Amino acid sequence: MEHELPHLDELRALAYDLWPSGAGLVIGGYVDDEVINSIAEQTLAGREKAGEIPTVPIAKWYSRLEKEKHRLESEWISLASEVRVYEEYCTSFVIRHDDLAAAQVDKALAVTNFEAP
């Protein structure tokens, strides 16, 4: 595994510096469904607003959203995500595969999902 993630120890040290309270983190893995859903909604809305795609009728929004989620799942990877300690929110840090390969970590996103208590 070290050859796949040569800087894993540094990433862990950074994570522990950011979350010294002991709140758990999961390093790497697939992007959580809630996170990819949020990215897909924002992407679709942005593409509509920019005129890249025609306005999606409300009746077809969810099927279009599912297609967008499927497309985006292959583009994004999780850098780290919080183990849900607080029921109100959870943050994940995600990045596109191409940006990670190019070491463009400034293009990573922090996505926080909020839930009503």
C-alpha atoms as a PDB file:
ATOM      1  CA  MET A   1       0.000   0.000   0.000  1.00  0.00           C
ATOM      2  CA  GLU A   2       2.904   2.355   0.609  1.00  0.00           C
ATOM      3  CA  HIS A   3       3.704   2.382  -3.126  1.00  0.00           C
ATOM      4  CA  GLU A   4       0.121   3.471  -3.861  1.00  0.00           C
ATOM      5  CA  LEU A   5       0.076   6.264  -1.261  1.00  0.00           C
ATOM      6  CA  PRO A   6       3.691   7.245  -0.613  1.00  0.00           C
ATOM      7  CA  HIS A   7       2.655  10.243   1.547  1.00  0.00           C
ATOM      8  CA  LEU A   8       0.056   8.445   3.662  1.00  0.00           C
ATOM      9  CA  ASP A   9       1.904   9.161   6.919  1.00  0.00           C
ATOM     10  CA  GLU A  10       2.018  12.886   6.122  1.00  0.00           C
ATOM     11  CA  LEU A  11      -1.697  12.863   5.232  1.00  0.00           C
ATOM     12  CA  ARG A  12      -2.506  11.125   8.510  1.00  0.00           C
ATOM     13  CA  ALA A  13      -0.395  13.613  10.479  1.00  0.00           C
ATOM     14  CA  LEU A  14      -2.194  16.517   8.799  1.00  0.00           C
ATOM     15  CA  ALA A  15      -5.580  14.963   9.545  1.00  0.00           C
ATOM     16  CA  TYR A  16      -4.685  14.442  13.193  1.00  0.00           C
ATOM     17  CA  ASP A  17      -3.466  18.050  13.413  1.00  0.00           C
ATOM     18  CA  LEU A  18      -6.779  19.265  11.977  1.00  0.00           C
ATOM     19  CA  TRP A  19      -8.907  17.000  14.214  1.00  0.00           C
ATOM     20  CA  PRO A  20      -7.021  16.733  17.521  1.00  0.00           C
ATOM     21  CA  SER A  21     -10.253  16.085  19.429  1.00  0.00           C
ATOM     22  CA  GLY A  22     -10.100  12.452  18.434  1.00  0.00           C
ATOM     23  CA  ALA A  23     -13.009  12.695  16.007  1.00  0.00           C
ATOM     24  CA  GLY A  24     -12.337   9.880  13.597  1.00  0.00           C
ATOM     25  CA  LEU A  25     -11.389  10.213   9.976  1.00  0.00           C
ATOM     26  CA  VAL A  26     -11.489   7.747   7.153  1.00  0.00           C
ATOM     27  CA  ILE A  27      -8.600   8.288   4.735  1.00  0.00           C
ATOM     28  CA  GLY A  28      -9.362   7.590   1.070  1.00  0.00           C
ATOM     29  CA  GLY A  29     -12.108   5.437  -0.339  1.00  0.00           C
ATOM     30  CA  TYR A  30     -15.183   6.004  -2.430  1.00  0.00           C
ATOM     31  CA  VAL A  31     -17.115   9.243  -2.319  1.00  0.00           C
ATOM     32  CA  ASP A  32     -20.152   9.028  -0.014  1.00  0.00           C
ATOM     33  CA  ASP A  33     -23.525   8.966  -1.787  1.00  0.00           C
ATOM     34  CA  GLU A  34     -24.684  12.165  -0.034  1.00  0.00           C
ATOM     35  CA  VAL A  35     -21.525  13.949  -1.185  1.00  0.00           C
ATOM     36  CA  ILE A  36     -21.812  12.832  -4.818  1.00  0.00           C
ATOM     37  CA  ASN A  37     -25.495  13.787  -4.750  1.00  0.00           C
ATOM     38  CA  SER A  38     -24.576  17.306  -3.586  1.00  0.00           C
ATOM     39  CA  ILE A  39     -21.900  17.665  -6.272  1.00  0.00           C
ATOM     40  CA  ALA A  40     -24.303  16.368  -8.937  1.00  0.00           C
ATOM     41  CA  GLU A  41     -27.060  18.805  -7.928  1.00  0.00           C
ATOM     42  CA  GLN A  42     -24.659  21.753  -8.021  1.00  0.00           C
ATOM     43  CA  THR A  43     -23.136  20.624 -11.311  1.00  0.00           C
ATOM     44  CA  LEU A  44     -26.514  20.232 -13.007  1.00  0.00           C
ATOM     45  CA  ALA A  45     -27.767  23.582 -11.722  1.00  0.00           C
ATOM     46  CA  GLY A  46     -24.545  25.286 -12.816  1.00  0.00           C
ATOM     47  CA  ARG A  47     -24.633  23.736 -16.282  1.00  0.00           C
ATOM     48  CA  GLU A  48     -28.275  24.810 -16.691  1.00  0.00           C
ATOM     49  CA  LYS A  49     -27.513  28.359 -15.564  1.00  0.00           C
ATOM     50  CA  ALA A  50     -24.519  28.596 -17.904  1.00  0.00           C
ATOM     51  CA  GLY A  51     -26.680  27.380 -20.804  1.00  0.00           C
ATOM     52  CA  GLU A  52     -24.533  24.280 -21.347  1.00  0.00           C
ATOM     53  CA  ILE A  53     -27.607  22.069 -21.119  1.00  0.00           C
ATOM     54  CA  PRO A  54     -31.292  22.846 -21.602  1.00  0.00           C
ATOM     55  CA  THR A  55     -33.366  23.416 -18.494  1.00  0.00           C
ATOM     56  CA  VAL A  56     -34.366  20.067 -17.055  1.00  0.00           C
ATOM     57  CA  PRO A  57     -38.123  19.845 -16.418  1.00  0.00           C
ATOM     58  CA  ILE A  58     -38.970  19.146 -12.768  1.00  0.00           C
ATOM     59  CA  ALA A  59     -40.626  15.853 -13.736  1.00  0.00           C
ATOM     60  CA  LYS A  60     -37.315  14.637 -15.225  1.00  0.00           C
ATOM     61  CA  TRP A  61     -34.969  16.227 -12.662  1.00  0.00           C
ATOM     62  CA  TYR A  62     -34.410  13.088 -10.552  1.00  0.00           C
ATOM     63  CA  SER A  63     -33.679  10.809 -13.494  1.00  0.00           C
ATOM     64  CA  ARG A  64     -31.246  13.414 -14.869  1.00  0.00           C
ATOM     65  CA  LEU A  65     -29.706  13.749 -11.403  1.00  0.00           C
ATOM     66  CA  GLU A  66     -29.161   9.978 -11.236  1.00  0.00           C
ATOM     67  CA  LYS A  67     -27.389  10.049 -14.618  1.00  0.00           C
ATOM     68  CA  GLU A  68     -25.208  12.933 -13.441  1.00  0.00           C
ATOM     69  CA  LYS A  69     -24.367  11.111 -10.203  1.00  0.00           C
ATOM     70  CA  HIS A  70     -23.377   8.009 -12.157  1.00  0.00           C
ATOM     71  CA  ARG A  71     -21.120  10.092 -14.427  1.00  0.00           C
ATOM     72  CA  LEU A  72     -19.484  11.909 -11.503  1.00  0.00           C
ATOM     73  CA  GLU A  73     -18.874   8.797  -9.381  1.00  0.00           C
ATOM     74  CA  SER A  74     -16.107   7.761 -11.752  1.00  0.00           C
ATOM     75  CA  GLU A  75     -14.466  11.223 -11.613  1.00  0.00           C
ATOM     76  CA  TRP A  76     -14.221  11.817  -7.851  1.00  0.00           C
ATOM     77  CA  ILE A  77     -12.338  10.124  -5.022  1.00  0.00           C
ATOM     78  CA  SER A  78     -12.454  10.742  -1.292  1.00  0.00           C
ATOM     79  CA  LEU A  79      -9.322  12.117   0.353  1.00  0.00           C
ATOM     80  CA  ALA A  80     -10.795  11.956   3.843  1.00  0.00           C
ATOM     81  CA  SER A  81     -14.151  11.995   5.560  1.00  0.00           C
ATOM     82  CA  GLU A  82     -15.193  12.417   9.151  1.00  0.00           C
ATOM     83  CA  VAL A  83     -16.618   9.515  11.008  1.00  0.00           C
ATOM     84  CA  ARG A  84     -20.023  10.832  12.045  1.00  0.00           C
ATOM     85  CA  VAL A  85     -19.469  12.005  15.625  1.00  0.00           C
ATOM     86  CA  TYR A  86     -21.928  14.859  15.539  1.00  0.00           C
ATOM     87  CA  GLU A  87     -25.365  14.008  14.252  1.00  0.00           C
ATOM     88  CA  GLU A  88     -25.894  17.463  12.767  1.00  0.00           C
ATOM     89  CA  TYR A  89     -23.137  17.441  10.163  1.00  0.00           C
ATOM     90  CA  CYS A  90     -20.338  15.500   8.523  1.00  0.00           C
ATOM     91  CA  THR A  91     -17.572  16.811   6.242  1.00  0.00           C
ATOM     92  CA  SER A  92     -15.832  14.992   3.400  1.00  0.00           C
ATOM     93  CA  PHE A  93     -12.836  16.122   1.372  1.00  0.00           C
ATOM     94  CA  VAL A  94     -12.990  14.990  -2.242  1.00  0.00           C
ATOM     95  CA  ILE A  95     -10.979  15.536  -5.398  1.00  0.00           C
ATOM     96  CA  ARG A  96     -11.168  14.536  -9.041  1.00  0.00           C
ATOM     97  CA  HIS A  97      -8.866  11.659 -10.000  1.00  0.00           C
ATOM     98  CA  ASP A  98      -7.097  13.801 -12.632  1.00  0.00           C
ATOM     99  CA  ASP A  99      -6.449  16.625 -10.161  1.00  0.00           C
ATOM    100  CA  LEU A 100      -5.041  14.203  -7.603  1.00  0.00           C
ATOM    101  CA  ALA A 101      -2.778  12.596 -10.211  1.00  0.00           C
ATOM    102  CA  ALA A 102      -1.528  16.074 -11.176  1.00  0.00           C
ATOM    103  CA  ALA A 103      -1.019  16.966  -7.474  1.00  0.00           C
ATOM    104  CA  GLN A 104      -3.470  19.855  -7.823  1.00  0.00           C
ATOM    105  CA  VAL A 105      -4.767  19.526  -4.285  1.00  0.00           C
ATOM    106  CA  ASP A 106      -5.973  23.129  -4.383  1.00  0.00           C
ATOM    107  CA  LYS A 107      -8.854  21.775  -6.484  1.00  0.00           C
ATOM    108  CA  ALA A 108     -10.106  19.532  -3.670  1.00  0.00           C
ATOM    109  CA  LEU A 109     -13.563  20.272  -2.278  1.00  0.00           C
ATOM    110  CA  ALA A 110     -14.788  20.204   1.295  1.00  0.00           C
ATOM    111  CA  VAL A 111     -18.420  19.085   1.273  1.00  0.00           C
ATOM    112  CA  THR A 112     -20.417  19.305   4.496  1.00  0.00           C
ATOM    113  CA  ASN A 113     -23.778  17.611   4.791  1.00  0.00           C
ATOM    114  CA  PHE A 114     -26.152  18.962   7.411  1.00  0.00           C
ATOM    115  CA  GLU A 115     -29.021  17.025   8.936  1.00  0.00           C
ATOM    116  CA  ALA A 116     -31.722  18.266  11.245  1.00  0.00           C
ATOM    117  CA  PRO A 117     -31.232  16.904  14.769  1.00  0.00           C
END
